[in-house]
Amino acid sequence: MFADFLKRLTAPDPAPLPDADARLALTALLVRVARSDGTFDDSERDRIDRILAARYGLSPFESARLRSEGEALEAEAPDTVRFTRAIKDAVPYDDRIGVIEALWQVVLADGVRDAEEDALLRLVSNLLGIRDIDSARARQRVEKQS
């Protein structure tokens, strides 16, 4: 279903993603982080839906539909390294910091920081080219909101 999209995303020199494709790729990354601890529960789904609604001005129905598409894309996406590096090449730095903040919201949604989630978020931050200090600040902003 997403073969052409993934082929464009993982091309050697990808073009910047159109807005709809960027939304889908970032949603899939949120889902990948949420699934990293082996549990993808309602609190994480709800958090992703709220992130999408706030970030993109979507209705609850539109957010749930985008998350569902992101779940399907995540299941077909290549390994995290290639997938995340492709997003890095297609999304500006400031937007990627927002992505890290959203990822921290998902990690902290269930009230538990699992080692698997922490490790994946460190990897994703690095692959997205986000400095450790920026990721730490993003986490702190999210923790203050919780």
Protein backbone atom coordinates (compact mmCIF):
# COMPACT_ATOMS: atom_id res chain seq x y z
CA MET A 1 0.00 0.00 0.00
CA PHE A 2 2.82 2.42 0.87
CA ALA A 3 5.51 0.99 -1.40
CA ASP A 4 5.80 4.08 -3.65
CA PHE A 5 5.82 6.40 -0.64
CA LEU A 6 8.56 4.40 1.10
CA LYS A 7 10.57 4.20 -2.11
CA ARG A 8 10.49 8.01 -2.44
CA LEU A 9 11.25 8.47 1.26
CA THR A 10 14.26 6.16 1.24
CA ALA A 11 15.67 7.29 -2.12
CA PRO A 12 19.37 8.25 -1.98
CA ASP A 13 18.59 11.96 -2.30
CA PRO A 14 14.94 12.46 -1.25
CA ALA A 15 13.13 15.65 -2.12
CA PRO A 16 11.43 17.53 0.71
CA LEU A 17 8.17 15.81 1.53
CA PRO A 18 4.86 17.42 0.68
CA ASP A 19 2.94 18.32 3.84
CA ALA A 20 0.59 15.31 3.72
CA ASP A 21 3.49 12.88 3.28
CA ALA A 22 5.51 14.54 6.06
CA ARG A 23 2.52 14.21 8.39
CA LEU A 24 2.20 10.54 7.58
CA ALA A 25 5.92 9.83 8.01
CA LEU A 26 6.05 11.61 11.36
CA THR A 27 2.90 9.83 12.52
CA ALA A 28 4.49 6.49 11.65
CA LEU A 29 7.54 7.46 13.71
CA LEU A 30 5.29 8.30 16.69
CA VAL A 31 3.70 4.86 16.33
CA ARG A 32 7.10 3.15 16.09
CA VAL A 33 8.22 4.73 19.36
CA ALA A 34 4.93 3.86 21.05
CA ARG A 35 5.28 0.22 19.95
CA SER A 36 8.93 -0.04 20.99
CA ASP A 37 8.18 -1.40 24.46
CA GLY A 38 5.95 -4.16 23.07
CA THR A 39 2.78 -2.42 24.24
CA PHE A 40 0.67 -0.02 22.20
CA ASP A 41 -2.18 0.87 24.52
CA ASP A 42 -5.09 3.30 24.49
CA SER A 43 -3.17 5.97 26.42
CA GLU A 44 -0.50 6.01 23.71
CA ARG A 45 -3.09 6.01 20.90
CA ASP A 46 -4.96 8.86 22.60
CA ARG A 47 -1.75 10.81 23.07
CA ILE A 48 -0.81 10.40 19.41
CA ASP A 49 -4.31 11.51 18.37
CA ARG A 50 -4.03 14.62 20.57
CA ILE A 51 -0.55 15.42 19.25
CA LEU A 52 -1.80 15.15 15.67
CA ALA A 53 -4.88 17.26 16.39
CA ALA A 54 -2.82 20.00 18.04
CA ARG A 55 0.05 19.93 15.55
CA TYR A 56 -2.04 19.86 12.39
CA GLY A 57 -5.40 21.33 13.49
CA LEU A 58 -7.26 18.07 12.91
CA SER A 59 -10.59 16.91 14.27
CA PRO A 60 -10.63 13.81 16.50
CA PHE A 61 -11.85 11.74 13.53
CA GLU A 62 -9.11 13.07 11.24
CA SER A 63 -6.46 12.47 13.90
CA ALA A 64 -7.59 8.88 14.42
CA ARG A 65 -7.60 8.28 10.66
CA LEU A 66 -4.07 9.69 10.29
CA ARG A 67 -2.87 7.57 13.22
CA SER A 68 -4.42 4.48 11.61
CA GLU A 69 -2.58 5.24 8.36
CA GLY A 70 0.59 5.82 10.37
CA GLU A 71 0.17 2.43 12.03
CA ALA A 72 -0.07 0.77 8.62
CA LEU A 73 2.95 2.67 7.28
CA GLU A 74 5.00 1.88 10.38
CA ALA A 75 4.31 -1.83 9.88
CA GLU A 76 5.65 -1.63 6.31
CA ALA A 77 8.47 0.87 6.94
CA PRO A 78 12.09 -0.22 6.76
CA ASP A 79 14.33 -0.41 9.77
CA THR A 80 14.31 2.57 12.11
CA VAL A 81 17.72 3.79 10.96
CA ARG A 82 16.81 4.19 7.27
CA PHE A 83 13.29 5.42 8.02
CA THR A 84 14.43 8.07 10.49
CA ARG A 85 17.35 9.24 8.36
CA ALA A 86 14.93 9.68 5.47
CA ILE A 87 12.74 11.88 7.65
CA LYS A 88 15.81 13.88 8.69
CA ASP A 89 16.66 14.58 5.07
CA ALA A 90 13.12 15.70 4.30
CA VAL A 91 12.15 17.73 7.41
CA PRO A 92 13.75 21.01 8.64
CA TYR A 93 15.63 20.98 11.99
CA ASP A 94 13.11 23.11 13.92
CA ASP A 95 10.30 20.80 12.87
CA ARG A 96 12.38 17.81 13.95
CA ILE A 97 12.74 19.28 17.45
CA GLY A 98 8.95 19.43 17.55
CA VAL A 99 8.91 15.78 16.51
CA ILE A 100 11.22 14.87 19.41
CA GLU A 101 8.92 16.70 21.80
CA ALA A 102 5.96 14.79 20.42
CA LEU A 103 7.88 11.51 20.73
CA TRP A 104 8.60 12.28 24.39
CA GLN A 105 4.87 12.90 24.88
CA VAL A 106 4.17 9.41 23.54
CA VAL A 107 6.92 7.80 25.64
CA LEU A 108 5.57 9.45 28.79
CA ALA A 109 1.86 8.91 27.94
CA ASP A 110 1.55 5.71 29.96
CA GLY A 111 3.44 7.15 32.93
CA VAL A 112 6.31 4.68 32.53
CA ARG A 113 9.70 5.27 30.92
CA ASP A 114 10.81 1.90 29.64
CA ALA A 115 14.44 1.25 28.79
CA GLU A 116 13.42 0.21 25.26
CA GLU A 117 11.60 3.50 24.69
CA ASP A 118 14.50 5.54 26.09
CA ALA A 119 17.00 3.69 23.91
CA LEU A 120 14.89 4.11 20.79
CA LEU A 121 14.33 7.79 21.48
CA ARG A 122 18.08 8.34 21.92
CA LEU A 123 18.68 6.56 18.61
CA VAL A 124 15.91 8.47 16.82
CA SER A 125 17.13 11.82 18.20
CA ASN A 126 20.62 11.06 16.97
CA LEU A 127 19.42 9.89 13.56
CA LEU A 128 17.24 12.98 13.21
CA GLY A 129 20.34 15.08 13.88
CA ILE A 130 18.94 16.49 17.12
CA ARG A 131 21.55 17.48 19.68
CA ASP A 132 21.32 15.69 23.04
CA ILE A 133 20.70 18.97 24.84
CA ASP A 134 17.76 19.80 22.56
CA SER A 135 16.25 16.36 23.17
CA ALA A 136 16.71 16.74 26.93
CA ARG A 137 15.05 20.15 26.85
CA ALA A 138 12.17 18.74 24.81
CA ARG A 139 11.71 15.98 27.41
CA GLN A 140 11.78 18.53 30.24
CA ARG A 141 9.14 20.66 28.51
CA VAL A 142 6.91 17.61 28.17
CA GLU A 143 7.46 16.56 31.78
CA LYS A 144 6.46 20.04 32.98
CA GLN A 145 3.23 19.81 30.95
CA SER A 146 2.32 16.44 32.43
